[in-house]
PDB file of N, CA and C in Angstrom:
ATOM      1  N   MET A   1      -2.716   2.299   8.533  1.00  0.00           N
ATOM      2  CA  MET A   1      -4.027   1.688   8.448  1.00  0.00           C
ATOM      3  C   MET A   1      -3.975   0.346   9.169  1.00  0.00           C
ATOM      4  N   ARG A   2      -4.949   0.135  10.015  1.00  0.00           N
ATOM      5  CA  ARG A   2      -4.992  -1.139  10.730  1.00  0.00           C
ATOM      6  C   ARG A   2      -5.356  -2.255   9.766  1.00  0.00           C
ATOM      7  N   ALA A   3      -4.978  -3.463  10.131  1.00  0.00           N
ATOM      8  CA  ALA A   3      -5.180  -4.617   9.251  1.00  0.00           C
ATOM      9  C   ALA A   3      -6.663  -4.866   8.991  1.00  0.00           C
ATOM     10  N   GLU A   4      -7.484  -4.780  10.022  1.00  0.00           N
ATOM     11  CA  GLU A   4      -8.904  -5.060   9.812  1.00  0.00           C
ATOM     12  C   GLU A   4      -9.559  -3.986   8.950  1.00  0.00           C
ATOM     13  N   ASN A   5      -9.086  -2.746   9.063  1.00  0.00           N
ATOM     14  CA  ASN A   5      -9.627  -1.695   8.199  1.00  0.00           C
ATOM     15  C   ASN A   5      -9.263  -1.948   6.738  1.00  0.00           C
ATOM     16  N   PHE A   6      -8.053  -2.471   6.505  1.00  0.00           N
ATOM     17  CA  PHE A   6      -7.663  -2.802   5.140  1.00  0.00           C
ATOM     18  C   PHE A   6      -8.550  -3.904   4.580  1.00  0.00           C
ATOM     19  N   VAL A   7      -8.858  -4.900   5.384  1.00  0.00           N
ATOM     20  CA  VAL A   7      -9.727  -6.000   4.942  1.00  0.00           C
ATOM     21  C   VAL A   7     -11.117  -5.458   4.617  1.00  0.00           C
ATOM     22  N   TYR A   8     -11.642  -4.586   5.494  1.00  0.00           N
ATOM     23  CA  TYR A   8     -12.961  -3.993   5.234  1.00  0.00           C
ATOM     24  C   TYR A   8     -12.961  -3.195   3.939  1.00  0.00           C
ATOM     25  N   PHE A   9     -11.926  -2.385   3.758  1.00  0.00           N
ATOM     26  CA  PHE A   9     -11.833  -1.555   2.559  1.00  0.00           C
ATOM     27  C   PHE A   9     -11.766  -2.421   1.300  1.00  0.00           C
ATOM     28  N   ALA A  10     -10.965  -3.461   1.332  1.00  0.00           N
ATOM     29  CA  ALA A  10     -10.829  -4.338   0.165  1.00  0.00           C
ATOM     30  C   ALA A  10     -12.139  -5.057  -0.126  1.00  0.00           C
ATOM     31  N   THR A  11     -12.845  -5.480   0.912  1.00  0.00           N
ATOM     32  CA  THR A  11     -14.114  -6.184   0.720  1.00  0.00           C
ATOM     33  C   THR A  11     -15.154  -5.265   0.086  1.00  0.00           C
ATOM     34  N   VAL A  12     -15.260  -4.051   0.587  1.00  0.00           N
ATOM     35  CA  VAL A  12     -16.228  -3.099   0.017  1.00  0.00           C
ATOM     36  C   VAL A  12     -15.836  -2.742  -1.415  1.00  0.00           C
ATOM     37  N   SER A  13     -14.547  -2.571  -1.656  1.00  0.00           N
ATOM     38  CA  SER A  13     -14.094  -2.290  -3.023  1.00  0.00           C
ATOM     39  C   SER A  13     -14.456  -3.449  -3.950  1.00  0.00           C
ATOM     40  N   GLY A  14     -14.252  -4.674  -3.489  1.00  0.00           N
ATOM     41  CA  GLY A  14     -14.609  -5.843  -4.282  1.00  0.00           C
ATOM     42  C   GLY A  14     -16.092  -5.901  -4.578  1.00  0.00           C
ATOM     43  N   PHE A  15     -16.910  -5.512  -3.602  1.00  0.00           N
ATOM     44  CA  PHE A  15     -18.359  -5.494  -3.822  1.00  0.00           C
ATOM     45  C   PHE A  15     -18.731  -4.531  -4.945  1.00  0.00           C
ATOM     46  N   PHE A  16     -18.201  -3.315  -4.882  1.00  0.00           N
ATOM     47  CA  PHE A  16     -18.550  -2.326  -5.905  1.00  0.00           C
ATOM     48  C   PHE A  16     -17.966  -2.685  -7.269  1.00  0.00           C
ATOM     49  N   ILE A  17     -16.788  -3.262  -7.297  1.00  0.00           N
ATOM     50  CA  ILE A  17     -16.220  -3.712  -8.568  1.00  0.00           C
ATOM     51  C   ILE A  17     -17.076  -4.836  -9.141  1.00  0.00           C
ATOM     52  N   GLY A  18     -17.540  -5.742  -8.279  1.00  0.00           N
ATOM     53  CA  GLY A  18     -18.441  -6.804  -8.731  1.00  0.00           C
ATOM     54  C   GLY A  18     -19.747  -6.250  -9.276  1.00  0.00           C
ATOM     55  N   MET A  19     -20.283  -5.241  -8.619  1.00  0.00           N
ATOM     56  CA  MET A  19     -21.521  -4.607  -9.110  1.00  0.00           C
ATOM     57  C   MET A  19     -21.298  -3.963 -10.476  1.00  0.00           C
ATOM     58  N   MET A  20     -20.177  -3.261 -10.628  1.00  0.00           N
ATOM     59  CA  MET A  20     -19.889  -2.622 -11.918  1.00  0.00           C
ATOM     60  C   MET A  20     -19.700  -3.675 -13.012  1.00  0.00           C
ATOM     61  N   PHE A  21     -19.001  -4.741 -12.680  1.00  0.00           N
ATOM     62  CA  PHE A  21     -18.781  -5.808 -13.644  1.00  0.00           C
ATOM     63  C   PHE A  21     -20.118  -6.434 -14.065  1.00  0.00           C
ATOM     64  N   SER A  22     -21.015  -6.608 -13.121  1.00  0.00           N
ATOM     65  CA  SER A  22     -22.329  -7.194 -13.423  1.00  0.00           C
ATOM     66  C   SER A  22     -23.156  -6.273 -14.315  1.00  0.00           C
ATOM     67  N   VAL A  23     -23.093  -4.980 -14.047  1.00  0.00           N
ATOM     68  CA  VAL A  23     -23.873  -4.023 -14.847  1.00  0.00           C
ATOM     69  C   VAL A  23     -23.295  -3.917 -16.249  1.00  0.00           C
ATOM     70  N   ILE A  24     -21.971  -3.889 -16.363  1.00  0.00           N
ATOM     71  CA  ILE A  24     -21.342  -3.742 -17.681  1.00  0.00           C
ATOM     72  C   ILE A  24     -21.643  -4.945 -18.572  1.00  0.00           C
ATOM     73  N   ASN A  25     -21.614  -6.159 -17.997  1.00  0.00           N
ATOM     74  CA  ASN A  25     -21.844  -7.359 -18.797  1.00  0.00           C
ATOM     75  C   ASN A  25     -23.316  -7.700 -18.984  1.00  0.00           C
ATOM     76  N   ASP A  26     -24.207  -6.919 -18.388  1.00  0.00           N
ATOM     77  CA  ASP A  26     -25.657  -7.075 -18.568  1.00  0.00           C
ATOM     78  C   ASP A  26     -26.127  -8.496 -18.242  1.00  0.00           C
ATOM     79  N   PHE A  27     -25.774  -8.944 -17.026  1.00  0.00           N
ATOM     80  CA  PHE A  27     -26.223 -10.245 -16.553  1.00  0.00           C
ATOM     81  C   PHE A  27     -27.664 -10.159 -16.073  1.00  0.00           C
ATOM     82  N   SER A  28     -28.276 -11.334 -15.889  1.00  0.00           N
ATOM     83  CA  SER A  28     -29.599 -11.348 -15.269  1.00  0.00           C
ATOM     84  C   SER A  28     -29.424 -11.085 -13.764  1.00  0.00           C
ATOM     85  N   ILE A  29     -30.526 -10.944 -13.045  1.00  0.00           N
ATOM     86  CA  ILE A  29     -30.459 -10.619 -11.621  1.00  0.00           C
ATOM     87  C   ILE A  29     -29.672 -11.672 -10.848  1.00  0.00           C
ATOM     88  N   TRP A  30     -29.992 -12.946 -11.042  1.00  0.00           N
ATOM     89  CA  TRP A  30     -29.323 -14.002 -10.280  1.00  0.00           C
ATOM     90  C   TRP A  30     -27.858 -14.118 -10.662  1.00  0.00           C
ATOM     91  N   GLN A  31     -27.543 -13.929 -11.936  1.00  0.00           N
ATOM     92  CA  GLN A  31     -26.135 -13.961 -12.349  1.00  0.00           C
ATOM     93  C   GLN A  31     -25.385 -12.764 -11.752  1.00  0.00           C
ATOM     94  N   SER A  32     -26.042 -11.611 -11.705  1.00  0.00           N
ATOM     95  CA  SER A  32     -25.402 -10.417 -11.127  1.00  0.00           C
ATOM     96  C   SER A  32     -25.091 -10.632  -9.651  1.00  0.00           C
ATOM     97  N   ILE A  33     -26.055 -11.187  -8.929  1.00  0.00           N
ATOM     98  CA  ILE A  33     -25.835 -11.446  -7.505  1.00  0.00           C
ATOM     99  C   ILE A  33     -24.698 -12.452  -7.323  1.00  0.00           C
ATOM    100  N   PHE A  34     -24.707 -13.516  -8.114  1.00  0.00           N
ATOM    101  CA  PHE A  34     -23.679 -14.549  -8.003  1.00  0.00           C
ATOM    102  C   PHE A  34     -22.295 -13.975  -8.311  1.00  0.00           C
ATOM    103  N   VAL A  35     -22.173 -13.233  -9.417  1.00  0.00           N
ATOM    104  CA  VAL A  35     -20.879 -12.660  -9.808  1.00  0.00           C
ATOM    105  C   VAL A  35     -20.396 -11.667  -8.753  1.00  0.00           C
ATOM    106  N   THR A  36     -21.308 -10.855  -8.214  1.00  0.00           N
ATOM    107  CA  THR A  36     -20.932  -9.876  -7.187  1.00  0.00           C
ATOM    108  C   THR A  36     -20.423 -10.575  -5.934  1.00  0.00           C
ATOM    109  N   ILE A  37     -21.093 -11.629  -5.523  1.00  0.00           N
ATOM    110  CA  ILE A  37     -20.656 -12.369  -4.334  1.00  0.00           C
ATOM    111  C   ILE A  37     -19.293 -13.017  -4.573  1.00  0.00           C
ATOM    112  N   ILE A  38     -19.101 -13.604  -5.742  1.00  0.00           N
ATOM    113  CA  ILE A  38     -17.815 -14.262  -6.055  1.00  0.00           C
ATOM    114  C   ILE A  38     -16.682 -13.245  -6.055  1.00  0.00           C
ATOM    115  N   ILE A  39     -16.884 -12.105  -6.699  1.00  0.00           N
ATOM    116  CA  ILE A  39     -15.819 -11.093  -6.759  1.00  0.00           C
ATOM    117  C   ILE A  39     -15.550 -10.517  -5.372  1.00  0.00           C
ATOM    118  N   THR A  40     -16.605 -10.298  -4.579  1.00  0.00           N
ATOM    119  CA  THR A  40     -16.412  -9.800  -3.213  1.00  0.00           C
ATOM    120  C   THR A  40     -15.619 -10.796  -2.381  1.00  0.00           C
ATOM    121  N   LEU A  41     -15.957 -12.084  -2.478  1.00  0.00           N
ATOM    122  CA  LEU A  41     -15.210 -13.098  -1.743  1.00  0.00           C
ATOM    123  C   LEU A  41     -13.761 -13.179  -2.204  1.00  0.00           C
ATOM    124  N   LEU A  42     -13.538 -13.023  -3.506  1.00  0.00           N
ATOM    125  CA  LEU A  42     -12.175 -13.041  -4.034  1.00  0.00           C
ATOM    126  C   LEU A  42     -11.357 -11.895  -3.449  1.00  0.00           C
ATOM    127  N   PHE A  43     -11.924 -10.703  -3.423  1.00  0.00           N
ATOM    128  CA  PHE A  43     -11.219  -9.561  -2.839  1.00  0.00           C
ATOM    129  C   PHE A  43     -10.984  -9.778  -1.343  1.00  0.00           C
ATOM    130  N   TYR A  44     -11.952 -10.358  -0.654  1.00  0.00           N
ATOM    131  CA  TYR A  44     -11.824 -10.626   0.775  1.00  0.00           C
ATOM    132  C   TYR A  44     -10.674 -11.596   1.039  1.00  0.00           C
ATOM    133  N   ILE A  45     -10.595 -12.657   0.257  1.00  0.00           N
ATOM    134  CA  ILE A  45      -9.530 -13.657   0.445  1.00  0.00           C
ATOM    135  C   ILE A  45      -8.172 -13.062   0.114  1.00  0.00           C
ATOM    136  N   ILE A  46      -8.091 -12.277  -0.943  1.00  0.00           N
ATOM    137  CA  ILE A  46      -6.821 -11.627  -1.293  1.00  0.00           C
ATOM    138  C   ILE A  46      -6.388 -10.672  -0.184  1.00  0.00           C
ATOM    139  N   ALA A  47      -7.333  -9.913   0.371  1.00  0.00           N
ATOM    140  CA  ALA A  47      -7.002  -8.980   1.452  1.00  0.00           C
ATOM    141  C   ALA A  47      -6.529  -9.734   2.691  1.00  0.00           C
ATOM    142  N   LEU A  48      -7.205 -10.822   3.034  1.00  0.00           N
ATOM    143  CA  LEU A  48      -6.770 -11.608   4.190  1.00  0.00           C
ATOM    144  C   LEU A  48      -5.369 -12.170   3.988  1.00  0.00           C
ATOM    145  N   GLY A  49      -5.100 -12.662   2.790  1.00  0.00           N
ATOM    146  CA  GLY A  49      -3.759 -13.177   2.496  1.00  0.00           C
ATOM    147  C   GLY A  49      -2.705 -12.093   2.580  1.00  0.00           C
ATOM    148  N   SER A  50      -3.024 -10.926   2.049  1.00  0.00           N
ATOM    149  CA  SER A  50      -2.068  -9.813   2.101  1.00  0.00           C
ATOM    150  C   SER A  50      -1.770  -9.412   3.532  1.00  0.00           C
ATOM    151  N   VAL A  51      -2.808  -9.315   4.338  1.00  0.00           N
ATOM    152  CA  VAL A  51      -2.616  -8.936   5.745  1.00  0.00           C
ATOM    153  C   VAL A  51      -1.830 -10.016   6.488  1.00  0.00           C
ATOM    154  N   ALA A  52      -2.123 -11.265   6.212  1.00  0.00           N
ATOM    155  CA  ALA A  52      -1.412 -12.357   6.887  1.00  0.00           C
ATOM    156  C   ALA A  52       0.080 -12.325   6.556  1.00  0.00           C
ATOM    157  N   PHE A  53       0.429 -12.132   5.287  1.00  0.00           N
ATOM    158  CA  PHE A  53       1.844 -12.077   4.922  1.00  0.00           C
ATOM    159  C   PHE A  53       2.514 -10.826   5.461  1.00  0.00           C
ATOM    160  N   TYR A  54       1.784  -9.722   5.499  1.00  0.00           N
ATOM    161  CA  TYR A  54       2.351  -8.495   6.048  1.00  0.00           C
ATOM    162  C   TYR A  54       2.673  -8.676   7.525  1.00  0.00           C
ATOM    163  N   ILE A  55       1.745  -9.245   8.264  1.00  0.00           N
ATOM    164  CA  ILE A  55       1.965  -9.453   9.694  1.00  0.00           C
ATOM    165  C   ILE A  55       3.079 -10.475   9.931  1.00  0.00           C
ATOM    166  N   LYS A  56       3.148 -11.481   9.083  1.00  0.00           N
ATOM    167  CA  LYS A  56       4.178 -12.514   9.258  1.00  0.00           C
ATOM    168  C   LYS A  56       5.578 -11.954   9.042  1.00  0.00           C
ATOM    169  N   PHE A  57       5.741 -11.101   8.033  1.00  0.00           N
ATOM    170  CA  PHE A  57       7.077 -10.618   7.685  1.00  0.00           C
ATOM    171  C   PHE A  57       7.394  -9.242   8.247  1.00  0.00           C
ATOM    172  N   TYR A  58       6.476  -8.629   8.945  1.00  0.00           N
ATOM    173  CA  TYR A  58       6.715  -7.326   9.547  1.00  0.00           C
ATOM    174  C   TYR A  58       7.601  -7.512  10.771  1.00  0.00           C
ATOM    175  N   ASP A  59       8.636  -6.717  10.860  1.00  0.00           N
ATOM    176  CA  ASP A  59       9.592  -6.871  11.954  1.00  0.00           C
ATOM    177  C   ASP A  59       9.049  -6.198  13.208  1.00  0.00           C
ATOM    178  N   ILE A  60       8.517  -6.998  14.113  1.00  0.00           N
ATOM    179  CA  ILE A  60       7.923  -6.473  15.341  1.00  0.00           C
ATOM    180  C   ILE A  60       9.000  -6.012  16.318  1.00  0.00           C
ATOM    181  N   LYS A  61      10.186  -6.560  16.210  1.00  0.00           N
ATOM    182  CA  LYS A  61      11.254  -6.202  17.139  1.00  0.00           C
ATOM    183  C   LYS A  61      11.573  -4.720  17.076  1.00  0.00           C
ATOM    184  N   LYS A  62      11.466  -4.132  15.902  1.00  0.00           N
ATOM    185  CA  LYS A  62      11.738  -2.700  15.782  1.00  0.00           C
ATOM    186  C   LYS A  62      10.720  -1.892  16.569  1.00  0.00           C
ATOM    187  N   GLN A  63       9.522  -2.382  16.666  1.00  0.00           N
ATOM    188  CA  GLN A  63       8.476  -1.662  17.381  1.00  0.00           C
ATOM    189  C   GLN A  63       8.555  -1.883  18.891  1.00  0.00           C
ATOM    190  N   LEU A  64       9.050  -3.029  19.322  1.00  0.00           N
ATOM    191  CA  LEU A  64       9.052  -3.348  20.745  1.00  0.00           C
ATOM    192  C   LEU A  64      10.164  -2.629  21.502  1.00  0.00           C
ATOM    193  N   PHE A  65      11.335  -2.537  20.918  1.00  0.00           N
ATOM    194  CA  PHE A  65      12.465  -1.945  21.595  1.00  0.00           C
ATOM    195  C   PHE A  65      12.612  -0.493  21.162  1.00  0.00           C
ATOM    196  N   LEU A  66      12.272   0.406  22.064  1.00  0.00           N
ATOM    197  CA  LEU A  66      12.332   1.828  21.758  1.00  0.00           C
ATOM    198  C   LEU A  66      13.697   2.385  22.151  1.00  0.00           C
ATOM    199  N   ASN A  67      14.146   3.340  21.393  1.00  0.00           N
ATOM    200  CA  ASN A  67      15.415   3.994  21.679  1.00  0.00           C
ATOM    201  C   ASN A  67      15.159   5.071  22.736  1.00  0.00           C
ATOM    202  N   VAL A  68      15.559   4.807  23.962  1.00  0.00           N
ATOM    203  CA  VAL A  68      15.256   5.687  25.089  1.00  0.00           C
ATOM    204  C   VAL A  68      15.956   7.037  24.936  1.00  0.00           C
ATOM    205  N   LYS A  69      17.197   7.040  24.470  1.00  0.00           N
ATOM    206  CA  LYS A  69      17.927   8.300  24.322  1.00  0.00           C
ATOM    207  C   LYS A  69      17.246   9.210  23.306  1.00  0.00           C
ATOM    208  N   GLU A  70      16.797   8.645  22.226  1.00  0.00           N
ATOM    209  CA  GLU A  70      16.124   9.430  21.197  1.00  0.00           C
ATOM    210  C   GLU A  70      14.815  10.007  21.728  1.00  0.00           C
ATOM    211  N   ILE A  71      14.083   9.214  22.467  1.00  0.00           N
ATOM    212  CA  ILE A  71      12.816   9.686  23.031  1.00  0.00           C
ATOM    213  C   ILE A  71      13.062  10.795  24.049  1.00  0.00           C
ATOM    214  N   GLU A  72      14.090  10.645  24.875  1.00  0.00           N
ATOM    215  CA  GLU A  72      14.406  11.673  25.859  1.00  0.00           C
ATOM    216  C   GLU A  72      14.820  12.980  25.194  1.00  0.00           C
ATOM    217  N   GLU A  73      15.559  12.899  24.086  1.00  0.00           N
ATOM    218  CA  GLU A  73      15.946  14.112  23.362  1.00  0.00           C
ATOM    219  C   GLU A  73      14.722  14.835  22.816  1.00  0.00           C
ATOM    220  N   VAL A  74      13.805  14.082  22.251  1.00  0.00           N
ATOM    221  CA  VAL A  74      12.587  14.688  21.713  1.00  0.00           C
ATOM    222  C   VAL A  74      11.774  15.329  22.828  1.00  0.00           C
ATOM    223  N   ILE A  75      11.683  14.644  23.953  1.00  0.00           N
ATOM    224  CA  ILE A  75      10.926  15.183  25.086  1.00  0.00           C
ATOM    225  C   ILE A  75      11.589  16.443  25.619  1.00  0.00           C
ATOM    226  N   ASP A  76      12.925  16.464  25.686  1.00  0.00           N
ATOM    227  CA  ASP A  76      13.631  17.656  26.152  1.00  0.00           C
ATOM    228  C   ASP A  76      13.366  18.849  25.240  1.00  0.00           C
ATOM    229  N   VAL A  77      13.375  18.612  23.952  1.00  0.00           N
ATOM    230  CA  VAL A  77      13.088  19.693  23.008  1.00  0.00           C
ATOM    231  C   VAL A  77      11.666  20.212  23.214  1.00  0.00           C
ATOM    232  N   GLN A  78      10.724  19.308  23.397  1.00  0.00           N
ATOM    233  CA  GLN A  78       9.341  19.730  23.607  1.00  0.00           C
ATOM    234  C   GLN A  78       9.177  20.494  24.911  1.00  0.00           C
ATOM    235  N   ILE A  79       9.874  20.066  25.959  1.00  0.00           N
ATOM    236  CA  ILE A  79       9.810  20.774  27.240  1.00  0.00           C
ATOM    237  C   ILE A  79      10.374  22.179  27.094  1.00  0.00           C
ATOM    238  N   ASN A  80      11.485  22.323  26.373  1.00  0.00           N
ATOM    239  CA  ASN A  80      12.062  23.650  26.149  1.00  0.00           C
ATOM    240  C   ASN A  80      11.096  24.551  25.380  1.00  0.00           C
ATOM    241  N   GLU A  81      10.439  24.004  24.386  1.00  0.00           N
ATOM    242  CA  GLU A  81       9.464  24.790  23.628  1.00  0.00           C
ATOM    243  C   GLU A  81       8.294  25.218  24.514  1.00  0.00           C
ATOM    244  N   LEU A  82       7.843  24.320  25.371  1.00  0.00           N
ATOM    245  CA  LEU A  82       6.750  24.659  26.285  1.00  0.00           C
ATOM    246  C   LEU A  82       7.172  25.741  27.277  1.00  0.00           C
ATOM    247  N   GLU A  83       8.397  25.676  27.766  1.00  0.00           N
ATOM    248  CA  GLU A  83       8.882  26.704  28.688  1.00  0.00           C
ATOM    249  C   GLU A  83       8.954  28.063  28.007  1.00  0.00           C
ATOM    250  N   LYS A  84       9.403  28.098  26.751  1.00  0.00           N
ATOM    251  CA  LYS A  84       9.422  29.357  25.999  1.00  0.00           C
ATOM    252  C   LYS A  84       8.011  29.908  25.844  1.00  0.00           C
ATOM    253  N   TYR A  85       7.085  29.030  25.532  1.00  0.00           N
ATOM    254  CA  TYR A  85       5.704  29.450  25.345  1.00  0.00           C
ATOM    255  C   TYR A  85       5.098  29.944  26.659  1.00  0.00           C
ATOM    256  N   GLU A  86       5.433  29.280  27.776  1.00  0.00           N
ATOM    257  CA  GLU A  86       4.966  29.726  29.086  1.00  0.00           C
ATOM    258  C   GLU A  86       5.496  31.118  29.399  1.00  0.00           C
ATOM    259  N   ASP A  87       6.783  31.358  29.126  1.00  0.00           N
ATOM    260  CA  ASP A  87       7.371  32.674  29.368  1.00  0.00           C
ATOM    261  C   ASP A  87       6.670  33.738  28.535  1.00  0.00           C
ATOM    262  N   PHE A  88       6.388  33.423  27.288  1.00  0.00           N
ATOM    263  CA  PHE A  88       5.699  34.372  26.417  1.00  0.00           C
ATOM    264  C   PHE A  88       4.310  34.693  26.961  1.00  0.00           C
ATOM    265  N   ILE A  89       3.603  33.666  27.399  1.00  0.00           N
ATOM    266  CA  ILE A  89       2.254  33.878  27.947  1.00  0.00           C
ATOM    267  C   ILE A  89       2.326  34.708  29.227  1.00  0.00           C
ATOM    268  N   PHE A  90       3.302  34.413  30.088  1.00  0.00           N
ATOM    269  CA  PHE A  90       3.438  35.158  31.337  1.00  0.00           C
ATOM    270  C   PHE A  90       3.758  36.626  31.056  1.00  0.00           C
ATOM    271  N   GLU A  91       4.649  36.892  30.104  1.00  0.00           N
ATOM    272  CA  GLU A  91       4.970  38.271  29.730  1.00  0.00           C
ATOM    273  C   GLU A  91       3.751  38.974  29.143  1.00  0.00           C
ATOM    274  N   SER A  92       2.996  38.272  28.342  1.00  0.00           N
ATOM    275  CA  SER A  92       1.778  38.863  27.776  1.00  0.00           C
ATOM    276  C   SER A  92       0.778  39.176  28.876  1.00  0.00           C
ATOM    277  N   TYR A  93       0.662  38.290  29.847  1.00  0.00           N
ATOM    278  CA  TYR A  93      -0.251  38.510  30.960  1.00  0.00           C
ATOM    279  C   TYR A  93       0.155  39.749  31.752  1.00  0.00           C
ATOM    280  N   LYS A  94       1.464  39.906  32.013  1.00  0.00           N
ATOM    281  CA  LYS A  94       1.953  41.088  32.724  1.00  0.00           C
ATOM    282  C   LYS A  94       1.640  42.360  31.938  1.00  0.00           C
ATOM    283  N   PHE A  95       1.851  42.318  30.633  1.00  0.00           N
ATOM    284  CA  PHE A  95       1.573  43.482  29.796  1.00  0.00           C
ATOM    285  C   PHE A  95       0.087  43.837  29.844  1.00  0.00           C
ATOM    286  N   ILE A  96      -0.758  42.847  29.777  1.00  0.00           N
ATOM    287  CA  ILE A  96      -2.205  43.093  29.819  1.00  0.00           C
ATOM    288  C   ILE A  96      -2.604  43.681  31.173  1.00  0.00           C
ATOM    289  N   GLU A  97      -2.024  43.180  32.258  1.00  0.00           N
ATOM    290  CA  GLU A  97      -2.306  43.735  33.587  1.00  0.00           C
ATOM    291  C   GLU A  97      -1.902  45.203  33.659  1.00  0.00           C
ATOM    292  N   GLU A  98      -0.732  45.550  33.115  1.00  0.00           N
ATOM    293  CA  GLU A  98      -0.272  46.937  33.139  1.00  0.00           C
ATOM    294  C   GLU A  98      -1.204  47.839  32.342  1.00  0.00           C
ATOM    295  N   VAL A  99      -1.637  47.365  31.186  1.00  0.00           N
ATOM    296  CA  VAL A  99      -2.544  48.160  30.356  1.00  0.00           C
ATOM    297  C   VAL A  99      -3.865  48.362  31.077  1.00  0.00           C
ATOM    298  N   GLU A 100      -4.377  47.338  31.735  1.00  0.00           N
ATOM    299  CA  GLU A 100      -5.636  47.457  32.473  1.00  0.00           C
ATOM    300  C   GLU A 100      -5.498  48.444  33.636  1.00  0.00           C
ATOM    301  N   LYS A 101      -4.360  48.389  34.339  1.00  0.00           N
ATOM    302  CA  LYS A 101      -4.140  49.342  35.433  1.00  0.00           C
ATOM    303  C   LYS A 101      -4.119  50.780  34.909  1.00  0.00           C
ATOM    304  N   GLU A 102      -3.442  50.995  33.790  1.00  0.00           N
ATOM    305  CA  GLU A 102      -3.403  52.333  33.207  1.00  0.00           C
ATOM    306  C   GLU A 102      -4.797  52.801  32.797  1.00  0.00           C
ATOM    307  N   GLU A 103      -5.578  51.915  32.228  1.00  0.00           N
ATOM    308  CA  GLU A 103      -6.937  52.278  31.834  1.00  0.00           C
ATOM    309  C   GLU A 103      -7.784  52.625  33.056  1.00  0.00           C
ATOM    310  N   LEU A 104      -7.638  51.858  34.140  1.00  0.00           N
ATOM    311  CA  LEU A 104      -8.381  52.164  35.367  1.00  0.00           C
ATOM    312  C   LEU A 104      -7.985  53.518  35.932  1.00  0.00           C
ATOM    313  N   GLU A 105      -6.701  53.829  35.919  1.00  0.00           N
ATOM    314  CA  GLU A 105      -6.239  55.132  36.403  1.00  0.00           C
ATOM    315  C   GLU A 105      -6.802  56.256  35.552  1.00  0.00           C
ATOM    316  N   LEU A 106      -6.820  56.063  34.234  1.00  0.00           N
ATOM    317  CA  LEU A 106      -7.381  57.087  33.354  1.00  0.00           C
ATOM    318  C   LEU A 106      -8.871  57.275  33.605  1.00  0.00           C
ATOM    319  N   LEU A 107      -9.586  56.180  33.823  1.00  0.00           N
ATOM    320  CA  LEU A 107     -11.015  56.284  34.113  1.00  0.00           C
ATOM    321  C   LEU A 107     -11.270  57.006  35.432  1.00  0.00           C
ATOM    322  N   ARG A 108     -10.445  56.718  36.438  1.00  0.00           N
ATOM    323  CA  ARG A 108     -10.590  57.393  37.725  1.00  0.00           C
ATOM    324  C   ARG A 108     -10.303  58.885  37.607  1.00  0.00           C
ATOM    325  N   LYS A 109      -9.278  59.229  36.827  1.00  0.00           N
ATOM    326  CA  LYS A 109      -8.961  60.640  36.638  1.00  0.00           C
ATOM    327  C   LYS A 109     -10.073  61.371  35.881  1.00  0.00           C
ATOM    328  N   ASN A 110     -10.669  60.675  34.914  1.00  0.00           N
ATOM    329  CA  ASN A 110     -11.733  61.294  34.122  1.00  0.00           C
ATOM    330  C   ASN A 110     -13.003  61.480  34.948  1.00  0.00           C
ATOM    331  N   LYS A 111     -13.248  60.614  35.902  1.00  0.00           N
ATOM    332  CA  LYS A 111     -14.442  60.729  36.754  1.00  0.00           C
ATOM    333  C   LYS A 111     -14.310  61.891  37.730  1.00  0.00           C
ATOM    334  N   SER A 112     -13.089  62.171  38.172  1.00  0.00           N
ATOM    335  CA  SER A 112     -12.923  63.235  39.169  1.00  0.00           C
ATOM    336  C   SER A 112     -12.926  64.604  38.593  1.00  0.00           C
TER     337      SER A 112
END
């Protein structure tokens, strides 16, 4: 989940929690609006703080330096799988061509 999506999610969650809290405590309209805004802002600030600490302590070096050998191995495996699939498709195509030729020959024989 991206950081901004987490902030959005937390803010909306705070809004609905504030609304529920206002309804449960049976506040007046202005008190309900005030409590909802305060709780939404509280959730927003907590989410921003969480994202800030996550970004600060997240080890970016692991993401920047990719293991080339590992990536090449994965790519080689995928290429081998694609080649197998290509061979299967080519064999299926040949089989379909043979069946169509046989059907055409049978149709020609039946017409004569």
